[in-house]
Amino acid sequence: MLELRTRGRDIVRRLELGEKMALTYRGKRVGLLTPDPESEKAPIPADDPLHAFVEMAEPMGGLSNEELDQFLYGADLR
């Protein structure tokens, strides 16, 4: 429950990726969080390189917007 309260956005993202998670309270399992089976989105594999895309951008990874465009689209969009 503590992790759900403090990292809710990350947990929702993981559900969108198709991950299932146990919900525990005081060390005991009380439920299961699962992706919505009727969701229109297909689960994105956890190893998809675009999940780490934000980390490659300036200032963290140092790639400029132009370099990111080249990486994503394979061409200069100017």
PDB file of N, CA and C in Angstrom:
ATOM      1  N   MET A   1       0.820  -1.185   0.000  1.00  0.00           N
ATOM      2  CA  MET A   1       0.000   0.000   0.000  1.00  0.00           C
ATOM      3  C   MET A   1       0.871   1.258   0.000  1.00  0.00           C
ATOM      4  N   LEU A   2       1.960   1.228   0.740  1.00  0.00           N
ATOM      5  CA  LEU A   2       2.835   2.397   0.787  1.00  0.00           C
ATOM      6  C   LEU A   2       3.391   2.715  -0.596  1.00  0.00           C
ATOM      7  N   GLU A   3       3.825   1.690  -1.292  1.00  0.00           N
ATOM      8  CA  GLU A   3       4.365   1.904  -2.639  1.00  0.00           C
ATOM      9  C   GLU A   3       3.279   2.423  -3.579  1.00  0.00           C
ATOM     10  N   LEU A   4       2.066   1.941  -3.428  1.00  0.00           N
ATOM     11  CA  LEU A   4       0.962   2.410  -4.262  1.00  0.00           C
ATOM     12  C   LEU A   4       0.705   3.900  -4.018  1.00  0.00           C
ATOM     13  N   ARG A   5       0.758   4.326  -2.780  1.00  0.00           N
ATOM     14  CA  ARG A   5       0.537   5.745  -2.466  1.00  0.00           C
ATOM     15  C   ARG A   5       1.671   6.623  -2.951  1.00  0.00           C
ATOM     16  N   THR A   6       2.900   6.156  -2.795  1.00  0.00           N
ATOM     17  CA  THR A   6       4.044   7.010  -3.123  1.00  0.00           C
ATOM     18  C   THR A   6       4.474   6.923  -4.577  1.00  0.00           C
ATOM     19  N   ARG A   7       4.171   5.817  -5.255  1.00  0.00           N
ATOM     20  CA  ARG A   7       4.625   5.626  -6.639  1.00  0.00           C
ATOM     21  C   ARG A   7       3.483   5.246  -7.556  1.00  0.00           C
ATOM     22  N   GLY A   8       2.309   5.821  -7.322  1.00  0.00           N
ATOM     23  CA  GLY A   8       1.114   5.475  -8.081  1.00  0.00           C
ATOM     24  C   GLY A   8       1.281   5.616  -9.584  1.00  0.00           C
ATOM     25  N   ARG A   9       1.913   6.704 -10.025  1.00  0.00           N
ATOM     26  CA  ARG A   9       2.081   6.929 -11.465  1.00  0.00           C
ATOM     27  C   ARG A   9       2.925   5.823 -12.098  1.00  0.00           C
ATOM     28  N   ASP A  10       4.000   5.429 -11.417  1.00  0.00           N
ATOM     29  CA  ASP A  10       4.856   4.358 -11.932  1.00  0.00           C
ATOM     30  C   ASP A  10       4.095   3.030 -11.979  1.00  0.00           C
ATOM     31  N   ILE A  11       3.278   2.787 -10.988  1.00  0.00           N
ATOM     32  CA  ILE A  11       2.516   1.544 -10.949  1.00  0.00           C
ATOM     33  C   ILE A  11       1.502   1.503 -12.091  1.00  0.00           C
ATOM     34  N   VAL A  12       0.845   2.623 -12.362  1.00  0.00           N
ATOM     35  CA  VAL A  12      -0.095   2.676 -13.486  1.00  0.00           C
ATOM     36  C   VAL A  12       0.644   2.418 -14.786  1.00  0.00           C
ATOM     37  N   ARG A  13       1.821   2.990 -14.938  1.00  0.00           N
ATOM     38  CA  ARG A  13       2.625   2.767 -16.150  1.00  0.00           C
ATOM     39  C   ARG A  13       2.958   1.292 -16.305  1.00  0.00           C
ATOM     40  N   ARG A  14       3.324   0.647 -15.201  1.00  0.00           N
ATOM     41  CA  ARG A  14       3.653  -0.773 -15.258  1.00  0.00           C
ATOM     42  C   ARG A  14       2.422  -1.612 -15.622  1.00  0.00           C
ATOM     43  N   LEU A  15       1.248  -1.213 -15.142  1.00  0.00           N
ATOM     44  CA  LEU A  15       0.014  -1.898 -15.526  1.00  0.00           C
ATOM     45  C   LEU A  15      -0.238  -1.732 -17.021  1.00  0.00           C
ATOM     46  N   GLU A  16       0.015  -0.532 -17.545  1.00  0.00           N
ATOM     47  CA  GLU A  16      -0.148  -0.292 -18.979  1.00  0.00           C
ATOM     48  C   GLU A  16       0.766  -1.193 -19.796  1.00  0.00           C
ATOM     49  N   LEU A  17       1.894  -1.557 -19.232  1.00  0.00           N
ATOM     50  CA  LEU A  17       2.847  -2.424 -19.918  1.00  0.00           C
ATOM     51  C   LEU A  17       2.452  -3.896 -19.829  1.00  0.00           C
ATOM     52  N   GLY A  18       1.375  -4.172 -19.094  1.00  0.00           N
ATOM     53  CA  GLY A  18       0.898  -5.548 -19.000  1.00  0.00           C
ATOM     54  C   GLY A  18       1.324  -6.289 -17.749  1.00  0.00           C
ATOM     55  N   GLU A  19       1.982  -5.603 -16.830  1.00  0.00           N
ATOM     56  CA  GLU A  19       2.467  -6.258 -15.613  1.00  0.00           C
ATOM     57  C   GLU A  19       1.330  -6.456 -14.613  1.00  0.00           C
ATOM     58  N   LYS A  20       1.364  -7.584 -13.915  1.00  0.00           N
ATOM     59  CA  LYS A  20       0.432  -7.855 -12.824  1.00  0.00           C
ATOM     60  C   LYS A  20       1.193  -7.682 -11.526  1.00  0.00           C
ATOM     61  N   MET A  21       0.513  -7.153 -10.497  1.00  0.00           N
ATOM     62  CA  MET A  21       1.178  -6.911  -9.216  1.00  0.00           C
ATOM     63  C   MET A  21       0.275  -7.322  -8.060  1.00  0.00           C
ATOM     64  N   ALA A  22       0.887  -7.901  -7.044  1.00  0.00           N
ATOM     65  CA  ALA A  22       0.154  -8.251  -5.832  1.00  0.00           C
ATOM     66  C   ALA A  22       0.057  -7.010  -4.945  1.00  0.00           C
ATOM     67  N   LEU A  23      -1.081  -6.827  -4.313  1.00  0.00           N
ATOM     68  CA  LEU A  23      -1.301  -5.744  -3.371  1.00  0.00           C
ATOM     69  C   LEU A  23      -1.267  -6.355  -1.978  1.00  0.00           C
ATOM     70  N   THR A  24      -0.365  -5.857  -1.145  1.00  0.00           N
ATOM     71  CA  THR A  24      -0.238  -6.399   0.205  1.00  0.00           C
ATOM     72  C   THR A  24      -0.515  -5.304   1.227  1.00  0.00           C
ATOM     73  N   TYR A  25      -0.985  -5.726   2.384  1.00  0.00           N
ATOM     74  CA  TYR A  25      -1.216  -4.823   3.499  1.00  0.00           C
ATOM     75  C   TYR A  25      -0.671  -5.493   4.745  1.00  0.00           C
ATOM     76  N   ARG A  26       0.303  -4.839   5.351  1.00  0.00           N
ATOM     77  CA  ARG A  26       0.986  -5.384   6.531  1.00  0.00           C
ATOM     78  C   ARG A  26       1.550  -6.777   6.261  1.00  0.00           C
ATOM     79  N   GLY A  27       2.128  -6.913   5.055  1.00  0.00           N
ATOM     80  CA  GLY A  27       2.809  -8.149   4.698  1.00  0.00           C
ATOM     81  C   GLY A  27       1.921  -9.275   4.201  1.00  0.00           C
ATOM     82  N   LYS A  28       0.612  -9.044   4.149  1.00  0.00           N
ATOM     83  CA  LYS A  28      -0.303 -10.086   3.689  1.00  0.00           C
ATOM     84  C   LYS A  28      -0.935  -9.658   2.362  1.00  0.00           C
ATOM     85  N   ARG A  29      -0.991 -10.602   1.446  1.00  0.00           N
ATOM     86  CA  ARG A  29      -1.592 -10.331   0.138  1.00  0.00           C
ATOM     87  C   ARG A  29      -3.100 -10.138   0.281  1.00  0.00           C
ATOM     88  N   VAL A  30      -3.577  -9.005  -0.237  1.00  0.00           N
ATOM     89  CA  VAL A  30      -5.005  -8.693  -0.129  1.00  0.00           C
ATOM     90  C   VAL A  30      -5.675  -8.526  -1.488  1.00  0.00           C
ATOM     91  N   GLY A  31      -4.890  -8.473  -2.548  1.00  0.00           N
ATOM     92  CA  GLY A  31      -5.492  -8.297  -3.863  1.00  0.00           C
ATOM     93  C   GLY A  31      -4.463  -8.406  -4.965  1.00  0.00           C
ATOM     94  N   LEU A  32      -4.951  -8.276  -6.179  1.00  0.00           N
ATOM     95  CA  LEU A  32      -4.096  -8.356  -7.350  1.00  0.00           C
ATOM     96  C   LEU A  32      -4.441  -7.199  -8.278  1.00  0.00           C
ATOM     97  N   LEU A  33      -3.439  -6.441  -8.687  1.00  0.00           N
ATOM     98  CA  LEU A  33      -3.620  -5.384  -9.677  1.00  0.00           C
ATOM     99  C   LEU A  33      -3.260  -5.963 -11.030  1.00  0.00           C
ATOM    100  N   THR A  34      -4.189  -5.869 -11.976  1.00  0.00           N
ATOM    101  CA  THR A  34      -3.950  -6.410 -13.309  1.00  0.00           C
ATOM    102  C   THR A  34      -4.355  -5.377 -14.354  1.00  0.00           C
ATOM    103  N   PRO A  35      -3.766  -5.466 -15.537  1.00  0.00           N
ATOM    104  CA  PRO A  35      -4.180  -4.571 -16.607  1.00  0.00           C
ATOM    105  C   PRO A  35      -5.638  -4.822 -16.986  1.00  0.00           C
ATOM    106  N   ASP A  36      -6.304  -3.790 -17.473  1.00  0.00           N
ATOM    107  CA  ASP A  36      -7.687  -3.914 -17.917  1.00  0.00           C
ATOM    108  C   ASP A  36      -7.723  -4.769 -19.178  1.00  0.00           C
ATOM    109  N   PRO A  37      -8.420  -5.904 -19.153  1.00  0.00           N
ATOM    110  CA  PRO A  37      -8.441  -6.775 -20.339  1.00  0.00           C
ATOM    111  C   PRO A  37      -9.186  -6.145 -21.524  1.00  0.00           C
ATOM    112  N   GLU A  38     -10.010  -5.142 -21.257  1.00  0.00           N
ATOM    113  CA  GLU A  38     -10.761  -4.497 -22.334  1.00  0.00           C
ATOM    114  C   GLU A  38     -10.072  -3.248 -22.870  1.00  0.00           C
ATOM    115  N   SER A  39      -8.889  -2.974 -22.351  1.00  0.00           N
ATOM    116  CA  SER A  39      -8.144  -1.799 -22.801  1.00  0.00           C
ATOM    117  C   SER A  39      -7.848  -1.905 -24.286  1.00  0.00           C
ATOM    118  N   GLU A  40      -7.948  -0.776 -24.973  1.00  0.00           N
ATOM    119  CA  GLU A  40      -7.672  -0.760 -26.412  1.00  0.00           C
ATOM    120  C   GLU A  40      -6.184  -0.847 -26.697  1.00  0.00           C
ATOM    121  N   LYS A  41      -5.370  -0.506 -25.728  1.00  0.00           N
ATOM    122  CA  LYS A  41      -3.917  -0.533 -25.928  1.00  0.00           C
ATOM    123  C   LYS A  41      -3.390  -1.951 -25.798  1.00  0.00           C
ATOM    124  N   ALA A  42      -2.552  -2.324 -26.714  1.00  0.00           N
ATOM    125  CA  ALA A  42      -1.842  -3.594 -26.582  1.00  0.00           C
ATOM    126  C   ALA A  42      -0.684  -3.370 -25.610  1.00  0.00           C
ATOM    127  N   PRO A  43      -0.377  -4.343 -24.757  1.00  0.00           N
ATOM    128  CA  PRO A  43       0.736  -4.154 -23.834  1.00  0.00           C
ATOM    129  C   PRO A  43       2.048  -3.908 -24.587  1.00  0.00           C
ATOM    130  N   ILE A  44       2.819  -2.998 -24.054  1.00  0.00           N
ATOM    131  CA  ILE A  44       4.127  -2.697 -24.634  1.00  0.00           C
ATOM    132  C   ILE A  44       5.149  -3.571 -23.916  1.00  0.00           C
ATOM    133  N   PRO A  45       5.951  -4.319 -24.645  1.00  0.00           N
ATOM    134  CA  PRO A  45       6.945  -5.167 -23.977  1.00  0.00           C
ATOM    135  C   PRO A  45       7.876  -4.333 -23.090  1.00  0.00           C
ATOM    136  N   ALA A  46       8.206  -4.870 -21.929  1.00  0.00           N
ATOM    137  CA  ALA A  46       9.057  -4.146 -20.982  1.00  0.00           C
ATOM    138  C   ALA A  46      10.433  -3.842 -21.551  1.00  0.00           C
ATOM    139  N   ASP A  47      10.901  -4.631 -22.522  1.00  0.00           N
ATOM    140  CA  ASP A  47      12.233  -4.406 -23.078  1.00  0.00           C
ATOM    141  C   ASP A  47      12.210  -3.488 -24.303  1.00  0.00           C
ATOM    142  N   ASP A  48      11.055  -2.863 -24.597  1.00  0.00           N
ATOM    143  CA  ASP A  48      10.961  -1.937 -25.728  1.00  0.00           C
ATOM    144  C   ASP A  48      11.907  -0.757 -25.484  1.00  0.00           C
ATOM    145  N   PRO A  49      12.799  -0.451 -26.436  1.00  0.00           N
ATOM    146  CA  PRO A  49      13.780   0.610 -26.215  1.00  0.00           C
ATOM    147  C   PRO A  49      13.170   1.993 -26.027  1.00  0.00           C
ATOM    148  N   LEU A  50      11.963   2.213 -26.448  1.00  0.00           N
ATOM    149  CA  LEU A  50      11.361   3.535 -26.278  1.00  0.00           C
ATOM    150  C   LEU A  50      11.005   3.838 -24.829  1.00  0.00           C
ATOM    151  N   HIS A  51      10.953   2.835 -23.953  1.00  0.00           N
ATOM    152  CA  HIS A  51      10.723   3.100 -22.537  1.00  0.00           C
ATOM    153  C   HIS A  51      11.878   3.901 -21.945  1.00  0.00           C
ATOM    154  N   ALA A  52      13.064   3.720 -22.442  1.00  0.00           N
ATOM    155  CA  ALA A  52      14.243   4.428 -21.936  1.00  0.00           C
ATOM    156  C   ALA A  52      14.527   5.698 -22.735  1.00  0.00           C
ATOM    157  N   PHE A  53      13.648   6.044 -23.654  1.00  0.00           N
ATOM    158  CA  PHE A  53      13.875   7.168 -24.561  1.00  0.00           C
ATOM    159  C   PHE A  53      14.086   8.480 -23.809  1.00  0.00           C
ATOM    160  N   VAL A  54      13.296   8.741 -22.781  1.00  0.00           N
ATOM    161  CA  VAL A  54      13.404   9.989 -22.030  1.00  0.00           C
ATOM    162  C   VAL A  54      14.791  10.131 -21.416  1.00  0.00           C
ATOM    163  N   GLU A  55      15.380   9.032 -20.998  1.00  0.00           N
ATOM    164  CA  GLU A  55      16.704   9.077 -20.377  1.00  0.00           C
ATOM    165  C   GLU A  55      17.792   9.460 -21.375  1.00  0.00           C
ATOM    166  N   MET A  56      17.514   9.331 -22.664  1.00  0.00           N
ATOM    167  CA  MET A  56      18.513   9.666 -23.676  1.00  0.00           C
ATOM    168  C   MET A  56      18.496  11.153 -24.028  1.00  0.00           C
ATOM    169  N   ALA A  57      17.460  11.862 -23.635  1.00  0.00           N
ATOM    170  CA  ALA A  57      17.316  13.266 -23.999  1.00  0.00           C
ATOM    171  C   ALA A  57      18.193  14.164 -23.129  1.00  0.00           C
ATOM    172  N   GLU A  58      18.444  15.356 -23.628  1.00  0.00           N
ATOM    173  CA  GLU A  58      19.182  16.350 -22.854  1.00  0.00           C
ATOM    174  C   GLU A  58      18.375  16.678 -21.619  1.00  0.00           C
ATOM    175  N   PRO A  59      18.948  17.021 -20.501  1.00  0.00           N
ATOM    176  CA  PRO A  59      20.367  16.992 -20.205  1.00  0.00           C
ATOM    177  C   PRO A  59      20.847  15.640 -19.714  1.00  0.00           C
ATOM    178  N   MET A  60      19.927  14.701 -19.462  1.00  0.00           N
ATOM    179  CA  MET A  60      20.334  13.428 -18.860  1.00  0.00           C
ATOM    180  C   MET A  60      21.245  12.617 -19.767  1.00  0.00           C
ATOM    181  N   GLY A  61      20.799  12.349 -20.979  1.00  0.00           N
ATOM    182  CA  GLY A  61      21.578  11.500 -21.867  1.00  0.00           C
ATOM    183  C   GLY A  61      22.428  12.273 -22.841  1.00  0.00           C
ATOM    184  N   GLY A  62      22.105  13.551 -23.018  1.00  0.00           N
ATOM    185  CA  GLY A  62      22.935  14.393 -23.843  1.00  0.00           C
ATOM    186  C   GLY A  62      22.591  14.433 -25.315  1.00  0.00           C
ATOM    187  N   LEU A  63      21.541  13.756 -25.778  1.00  0.00           N
ATOM    188  CA  LEU A  63      21.185  13.828 -27.188  1.00  0.00           C
ATOM    189  C   LEU A  63      20.312  15.059 -27.424  1.00  0.00           C
ATOM    190  N   SER A  64      20.587  15.773 -28.496  1.00  0.00           N
ATOM    191  CA  SER A  64      19.798  16.950 -28.836  1.00  0.00           C
ATOM    192  C   SER A  64      18.467  16.522 -29.459  1.00  0.00           C
ATOM    193  N   ASN A  65      17.554  17.466 -29.606  1.00  0.00           N
ATOM    194  CA  ASN A  65      16.275  17.167 -30.250  1.00  0.00           C
ATOM    195  C   ASN A  65      16.491  16.651 -31.670  1.00  0.00           C
ATOM    196  N   GLU A  66      17.428  17.237 -32.375  1.00  0.00           N
ATOM    197  CA  GLU A  66      17.711  16.802 -33.743  1.00  0.00           C
ATOM    198  C   GLU A  66      18.220  15.357 -33.762  1.00  0.00           C
ATOM    199  N   GLU A  67      19.096  15.029 -32.828  1.00  0.00           N
ATOM    200  CA  GLU A  67      19.620  13.663 -32.757  1.00  0.00           C
ATOM    201  C   GLU A  67      18.514  12.663 -32.392  1.00  0.00           C
ATOM    202  N   LEU A  68      17.606  13.089 -31.514  1.00  0.00           N
ATOM    203  CA  LEU A  68      16.488  12.216 -31.160  1.00  0.00           C
ATOM    204  C   LEU A  68      15.557  12.005 -32.352  1.00  0.00           C
ATOM    205  N   ASP A  69      15.307  13.063 -33.128  1.00  0.00           N
ATOM    206  CA  ASP A  69      14.503  12.927 -34.339  1.00  0.00           C
ATOM    207  C   ASP A  69      15.153  11.946 -35.304  1.00  0.00           C
ATOM    208  N   GLN A  70      16.455  12.070 -35.457  1.00  0.00           N
ATOM    209  CA  GLN A  70      17.187  11.163 -36.353  1.00  0.00           C
ATOM    210  C   GLN A  70      17.043   9.723 -35.862  1.00  0.00           C
ATOM    211  N   PHE A  71      17.157   9.536 -34.562  1.00  0.00           N
ATOM    212  CA  PHE A  71      17.027   8.209 -33.965  1.00  0.00           C
ATOM    213  C   PHE A  71      15.636   7.633 -34.201  1.00  0.00           C
ATOM    214  N   LEU A  72      14.593   8.453 -33.980  1.00  0.00           N
ATOM    215  CA  LEU A  72      13.222   7.982 -34.097  1.00  0.00           C
ATOM    216  C   LEU A  72      12.753   7.819 -35.545  1.00  0.00           C
ATOM    217  N   TYR A  73      13.047   8.825 -36.345  1.00  0.00           N
ATOM    218  CA  TYR A  73      12.464   8.869 -37.681  1.00  0.00           C
ATOM    219  C   TYR A  73      13.442   8.573 -38.805  1.00  0.00           C
ATOM    220  N   GLY A  74      14.717   8.592 -38.494  1.00  0.00           N
ATOM    221  CA  GLY A  74      15.725   8.270 -39.489  1.00  0.00           C
ATOM    222  C   GLY A  74      15.964   9.356 -40.505  1.00  0.00           C
ATOM    223  N   ALA A  75      15.473  10.553 -40.246  1.00  0.00           N
ATOM    224  CA  ALA A  75      15.668  11.652 -41.204  1.00  0.00           C
ATOM    225  C   ALA A  75      15.613  12.980 -40.471  1.00  0.00           C
ATOM    226  N   ASP A  76      16.196  13.981 -41.064  1.00  0.00           N
ATOM    227  CA  ASP A  76      16.156  15.332 -40.534  1.00  0.00           C
ATOM    228  C   ASP A  76      14.795  15.917 -40.881  1.00  0.00           C
ATOM    229  N   LEU A  77      14.048  16.391 -39.875  1.00  0.00           N
ATOM    230  CA  LEU A  77      12.690  16.865 -40.110  1.00  0.00           C
ATOM    231  C   LEU A  77      12.614  18.382 -40.322  1.00  0.00           C
ATOM    232  N   ARG A  78      13.741  19.035 -40.427  1.00  0.00           N
ATOM    233  CA  ARG A  78      13.706  20.494 -40.626  1.00  0.00           C
ATOM    234  C   ARG A  78      13.216  20.869 -41.970  1.00  0.00           C
TER     235      ARG A  78
END
